[in-house]
Amino acid sequence: MRFSTTLATAATALFFTASQVSAIGELAFNLGVKNNDGTCKSTSDYETELQALKSYTSTVKVYAASDCNTLQNLGPAAEAEGFTIFVGVWPTDDSHYAAEKAALQTYLPKIKESTVAGFLVGSEALYRNDLTASQLSDKINDVRSVVADISDSDGKSYSGKQVGTVDSWNVLVAGYNSAVIEASDFVMANAFSYWQGQTMQNASYSFFDDIMQALQVIQSTKGSTDITFWVGETGWPTDGTNFESSYPSVDNAKHSGKKVSVP
């Protein structure tokens, strides 16, 4: 699902929703891997960003491990700054996927396993029809097998770390993708009221309705309410053209962020 952001850290909002309604959520951020000038971020660049985010969160998410040497550079920065990472693994194409697994095997041993919050195989791969549910399920199981054979800098195994995926709420609700939910230890759902064409007055209601539909299907498919569930992406654009009844602006982005975040 589409999203635009003007945040200097190239971070988009990520929110946690616990398995029980009464639980308190946690805020985190998606990180981009390039600086504004197009160069790949260094470990020092990531350290600067994480220091800026420290007062808001201690968790970040990235979309791939090998792109711009993400895991190689972010891993040490996250460890130094006391952050945990949801490590993305891009599942397409074959050469890219092979590079992703090679990055895991090369750089996970250089950091502590406690620095990794979990692994996310694909980001809206179902939404874009990049993979079928069966193909994505196979990749999730494959990554689980790969990381189980890796030990960290202290010799501790990554076996048992949660492996899952992130996708748009509407494709998770679709029954024909249940195999992916079944294969995942946890699932993140993306939801954007802006791309639902909602007015600002109805935006938060639309967001929570979409997310709760996804959570309900995930819980039903897994046969349990005791699961880890995150909102992988949400937000509101600060500029650009309107979409139906949704209008981009800094004020609307600020209002949306306050309404859908969990303190």
Protein backbone atom coordinates (compact mmCIF):
# COMPACT_ATOMS: atom_id res chain seq x y z
CA MET A 1 0.00 0.00 0.00
CA ARG A 2 1.33 3.45 -0.85
CA PHE A 3 2.72 5.92 1.66
CA SER A 4 4.58 9.21 1.50
CA THR A 5 6.63 10.85 4.23
CA THR A 6 8.81 13.91 4.65
CA LEU A 7 10.43 12.95 7.95
CA ALA A 8 14.13 13.72 7.94
CA THR A 9 15.02 10.29 9.23
CA ALA A 10 13.12 8.60 6.41
CA ALA A 11 11.09 6.87 9.08
CA THR A 12 7.41 6.03 8.88
CA ALA A 13 5.21 5.37 11.86
CA LEU A 14 4.83 1.85 13.17
CA PHE A 15 2.48 0.98 15.99
CA PHE A 16 2.09 -2.05 18.21
CA THR A 17 -1.25 -3.62 19.03
CA ALA A 18 -1.12 -6.28 21.72
CA SER A 19 -3.12 -9.49 21.64
CA GLN A 20 -5.45 -8.22 24.34
CA VAL A 21 -7.44 -5.03 23.91
CA SER A 22 -6.51 -3.82 27.40
CA ALA A 23 -2.75 -3.99 26.70
CA ILE A 24 -0.66 -0.90 26.08
CA GLY A 25 0.97 -0.45 22.71
CA GLU A 26 4.48 0.50 21.67
CA LEU A 27 5.61 2.99 19.04
CA ALA A 28 8.40 2.19 16.61
CA PHE A 29 9.66 3.41 13.24
CA ASN A 30 10.45 2.10 9.77
CA LEU A 31 13.87 3.28 8.60
CA GLY A 32 14.99 4.14 5.10
CA VAL A 33 18.45 2.99 4.06
CA LYS A 34 19.58 6.06 2.08
CA ASN A 35 20.47 9.60 3.02
CA ASN A 36 18.73 12.54 1.36
CA ASP A 37 21.57 12.78 -1.18
CA GLY A 38 20.99 9.17 -2.28
CA THR A 39 24.04 7.66 -0.60
CA CYS A 40 23.71 4.56 1.54
CA LYS A 41 23.60 5.18 5.27
CA SER A 42 26.70 4.32 7.27
CA THR A 43 26.82 2.99 10.82
CA SER A 44 27.45 6.57 11.96
CA ASP A 45 24.38 7.79 10.05
CA TYR A 46 22.21 5.17 11.73
CA GLU A 47 23.62 6.04 15.15
CA THR A 48 22.63 9.68 14.59
CA GLU A 49 19.09 8.67 13.60
CA LEU A 50 18.65 6.28 16.50
CA GLN A 51 19.82 8.92 18.94
CA ALA A 52 17.14 11.24 17.55
CA LEU A 53 14.49 8.53 17.99
CA LYS A 54 15.52 7.45 21.49
CA SER A 55 12.97 9.58 23.30
CA TYR A 56 10.17 7.94 21.30
CA THR A 57 11.13 4.29 20.86
CA SER A 58 13.80 1.63 21.09
CA THR A 59 12.55 -0.43 18.14
CA VAL A 60 12.97 0.03 14.38
CA LYS A 61 12.09 -1.95 11.25
CA VAL A 62 13.86 -2.23 7.90
CA TYR A 63 12.62 -3.76 4.67
CA ALA A 64 15.69 -5.73 3.61
CA ALA A 65 18.96 -7.00 5.08
CA SER A 66 21.31 -6.65 2.11
CA ASP A 67 20.18 -3.42 0.41
CA CYS A 68 22.76 -0.69 1.02
CA ASN A 69 24.45 -3.08 3.47
CA THR A 70 21.61 -2.44 5.89
CA LEU A 71 22.23 -5.21 8.41
CA GLN A 72 25.99 -4.73 8.22
CA ASN A 73 25.71 -1.03 9.10
CA LEU A 74 22.54 -0.85 11.19
CA GLY A 75 23.26 -3.88 13.38
CA PRO A 76 26.25 -2.38 15.23
CA ALA A 77 24.50 1.01 15.50
CA ALA A 78 21.37 -0.55 17.01
CA GLU A 79 23.43 -2.58 19.45
CA ALA A 80 25.44 0.48 20.51
CA GLU A 81 22.31 2.60 21.02
CA GLY A 82 20.24 -0.08 22.77
CA PHE A 83 17.71 -0.60 19.94
CA THR A 84 16.10 -3.76 18.63
CA ILE A 85 15.49 -4.37 14.92
CA PHE A 86 12.78 -6.11 12.98
CA VAL A 87 14.99 -7.35 10.16
CA GLY A 88 13.31 -7.42 6.76
CA VAL A 89 14.14 -10.13 4.23
CA TRP A 90 13.18 -9.29 0.63
CA PRO A 91 11.87 -12.51 -0.95
CA THR A 92 12.08 -11.60 -4.65
CA ASP A 93 13.77 -12.08 -7.10
CA ASP A 94 15.96 -15.18 -6.66
CA SER A 95 19.28 -13.30 -6.73
CA HIS A 96 18.02 -10.66 -4.31
CA TYR A 97 16.67 -13.31 -1.98
CA ALA A 98 20.01 -15.15 -2.07
CA ALA A 99 21.78 -11.89 -1.17
CA GLU A 100 19.38 -11.41 1.72
CA LYS A 101 20.14 -14.83 3.17
CA ALA A 102 23.86 -14.27 2.68
CA ALA A 103 23.60 -10.99 4.63
CA LEU A 104 21.88 -12.80 7.50
CA GLN A 105 24.55 -15.49 7.57
CA THR A 106 27.38 -12.95 7.41
CA TYR A 107 26.25 -10.18 9.76
CA LEU A 108 23.95 -11.77 12.35
CA PRO A 109 26.99 -13.47 13.92
CA LYS A 110 28.54 -10.03 14.49
CA ILE A 111 25.77 -8.77 16.80
CA LYS A 112 23.86 -10.10 19.81
CA GLU A 113 20.65 -12.01 19.16
CA SER A 114 18.88 -9.72 21.63
CA THR A 115 19.35 -6.90 19.09
CA VAL A 116 16.95 -8.67 16.72
CA ALA A 117 13.23 -8.39 17.53
CA GLY A 118 12.25 -10.73 14.70
CA PHE A 119 12.45 -11.36 10.97
CA LEU A 120 9.92 -10.17 8.39
CA VAL A 121 9.91 -12.01 5.08
CA GLY A 122 8.44 -9.70 2.47
CA SER A 123 6.63 -6.39 2.72
CA GLU A 124 3.25 -6.42 0.96
CA ALA A 125 4.42 -9.25 -1.30
CA LEU A 126 0.84 -10.54 -1.42
CA TYR A 127 -0.65 -7.10 -2.03
CA ARG A 128 1.58 -6.57 -5.06
CA ASN A 129 1.10 -10.16 -6.27
CA ASP A 130 4.87 -10.68 -6.12
CA LEU A 131 4.31 -14.10 -4.57
CA THR A 132 1.43 -16.47 -4.01
CA ALA A 133 0.48 -17.42 -0.47
CA SER A 134 2.13 -20.80 -0.97
CA GLN A 135 5.36 -19.26 -2.29
CA LEU A 136 5.58 -16.74 0.54
CA SER A 137 4.89 -19.44 3.12
CA ASP A 138 7.79 -21.46 1.72
CA LYS A 139 10.09 -18.42 1.99
CA ILE A 140 9.03 -17.82 5.61
CA ASN A 141 9.81 -21.43 6.49
CA ASP A 142 13.11 -21.21 4.60
CA VAL A 143 14.24 -18.11 6.51
CA ARG A 144 13.26 -19.76 9.78
CA SER A 145 15.52 -22.66 8.87
CA VAL A 146 18.39 -20.36 7.84
CA VAL A 147 18.42 -18.28 11.03
CA ALA A 148 18.11 -21.38 13.21
CA ASP A 149 21.60 -22.37 12.05
CA ILE A 150 23.15 -18.99 12.92
CA SER A 151 24.74 -18.05 16.26
CA ASP A 152 25.36 -14.52 17.53
CA SER A 153 28.55 -12.81 18.74
CA ASP A 154 28.22 -14.58 22.10
CA GLY A 155 27.55 -17.97 20.55
CA LYS A 156 23.80 -17.87 21.24
CA SER A 157 21.52 -19.30 18.57
CA TYR A 158 18.95 -17.28 16.64
CA SER A 159 16.74 -20.36 16.67
CA GLY A 160 13.39 -19.48 18.18
CA LYS A 161 13.38 -15.89 16.94
CA GLN A 162 9.99 -15.04 15.50
CA VAL A 163 9.72 -15.14 11.72
CA GLY A 164 6.71 -13.66 9.95
CA THR A 165 5.61 -11.17 7.32
CA VAL A 166 3.93 -7.81 6.86
CA ASP A 167 1.16 -7.05 4.40
CA SER A 168 -1.83 -4.86 3.73
CA TRP A 169 -4.75 -5.47 6.08
CA ASN A 170 -7.18 -6.25 3.25
CA VAL A 171 -5.13 -9.12 1.79
CA LEU A 172 -4.65 -10.58 5.26
CA VAL A 173 -8.41 -10.56 5.71
CA ALA A 174 -8.85 -12.42 2.42
CA GLY A 175 -9.29 -16.11 3.26
CA TYR A 176 -7.11 -17.37 0.42
CA ASN A 177 -3.95 -16.07 2.15
CA SER A 178 -4.42 -18.02 5.37
CA ALA A 179 -1.42 -20.25 4.59
CA VAL A 180 0.88 -17.27 5.14
CA ILE A 181 -0.66 -16.54 8.55
CA GLU A 182 -0.33 -20.19 9.49
CA ALA A 183 3.36 -20.23 8.48
CA SER A 184 4.14 -17.02 10.39
CA ASP A 185 5.07 -16.77 14.05
CA PHE A 186 3.72 -13.22 13.96
CA VAL A 187 2.16 -10.88 11.40
CA MET A 188 2.21 -7.13 10.85
CA ALA A 189 -0.68 -5.40 9.09
CA ASN A 190 -0.45 -2.12 7.16
CA ALA A 191 -3.40 0.28 7.08
CA PHE A 192 -3.76 3.79 5.65
CA SER A 193 -7.02 5.65 6.08
CA TYR A 194 -5.77 8.14 3.48
CA TRP A 195 -5.89 5.49 0.76
CA GLN A 196 -9.37 4.56 1.93
CA GLY A 197 -10.42 8.06 0.89
CA GLN A 198 -11.55 8.93 4.40
CA THR A 199 -12.27 12.37 5.80
CA MET A 200 -10.09 13.42 8.71
CA GLN A 201 -13.12 13.10 11.00
CA ASN A 202 -13.52 9.43 10.10
CA ALA A 203 -9.87 8.51 9.57
CA SER A 204 -9.13 7.01 12.98
CA TYR A 205 -12.37 5.00 12.97
CA SER A 206 -11.52 3.59 9.55
CA PHE A 207 -7.98 2.75 10.69
CA PHE A 208 -9.04 0.85 13.79
CA ASP A 209 -11.81 -0.96 11.93
CA ASP A 210 -9.35 -2.16 9.27
CA ILE A 211 -6.72 -3.21 11.81
CA MET A 212 -9.20 -5.03 14.04
CA GLN A 213 -10.51 -6.95 11.02
CA ALA A 214 -6.96 -8.10 10.30
CA LEU A 215 -6.26 -8.97 13.93
CA GLN A 216 -9.48 -10.96 14.20
CA VAL A 217 -8.64 -13.03 11.12
CA ILE A 218 -5.08 -13.62 12.32
CA GLN A 219 -6.27 -14.74 15.76
CA SER A 220 -8.92 -16.99 14.23
CA THR A 221 -6.44 -18.55 11.80
CA LYS A 222 -3.82 -19.08 14.52
CA GLY A 223 -6.46 -20.35 16.94
CA SER A 224 -5.18 -18.09 19.71
CA THR A 225 -5.37 -14.54 21.02
CA ASP A 226 -1.91 -14.87 22.58
CA ILE A 227 0.04 -13.63 19.58
CA THR A 228 2.39 -10.79 18.68
CA PHE A 229 0.69 -8.30 16.37
CA TRP A 230 1.96 -5.00 15.05
CA VAL A 231 0.69 -2.34 12.70
CA GLY A 232 3.56 -2.42 10.23
CA GLU A 233 2.87 0.90 8.51
CA THR A 234 0.41 3.73 8.83
CA GLY A 235 0.45 7.47 8.38
CA TRP A 236 -0.84 10.42 6.39
CA PRO A 237 0.99 12.38 3.66
CA THR A 238 2.01 15.95 4.34
CA ASP A 239 1.65 17.16 0.76
CA GLY A 240 0.58 16.05 -2.71
CA THR A 241 -2.82 15.60 -4.33
CA ASN A 242 -5.96 14.59 -2.49
CA PHE A 243 -7.39 11.08 -2.77
CA GLU A 244 -11.19 11.17 -2.79
CA SER A 245 -12.10 12.79 0.57
CA SER A 246 -8.56 12.53 1.97
CA TYR A 247 -6.42 15.67 1.85
CA PRO A 248 -2.67 15.77 2.55
CA SER A 249 -1.29 18.40 4.91
CA VAL A 250 1.08 18.71 7.84
CA ASP A 251 -1.83 19.38 10.21
CA ASN A 252 -3.74 16.33 8.98
CA ALA A 253 -0.64 14.15 9.30
CA LYS A 254 -0.14 15.39 12.85
CA HIS A 255 -3.80 14.85 13.73
CA SER A 256 -3.80 11.35 12.24
CA GLY A 257 -0.65 10.38 14.13
CA LYS A 258 -2.12 11.45 17.45
CA LYS A 259 -5.41 9.67 16.84
CA VAL A 260 -4.02 6.27 15.86
CA SER A 261 -1.04 6.08 18.23
CA VAL A 262 -1.29 4.15 21.46
CA PRO A 263 0.29 6.00 24.43
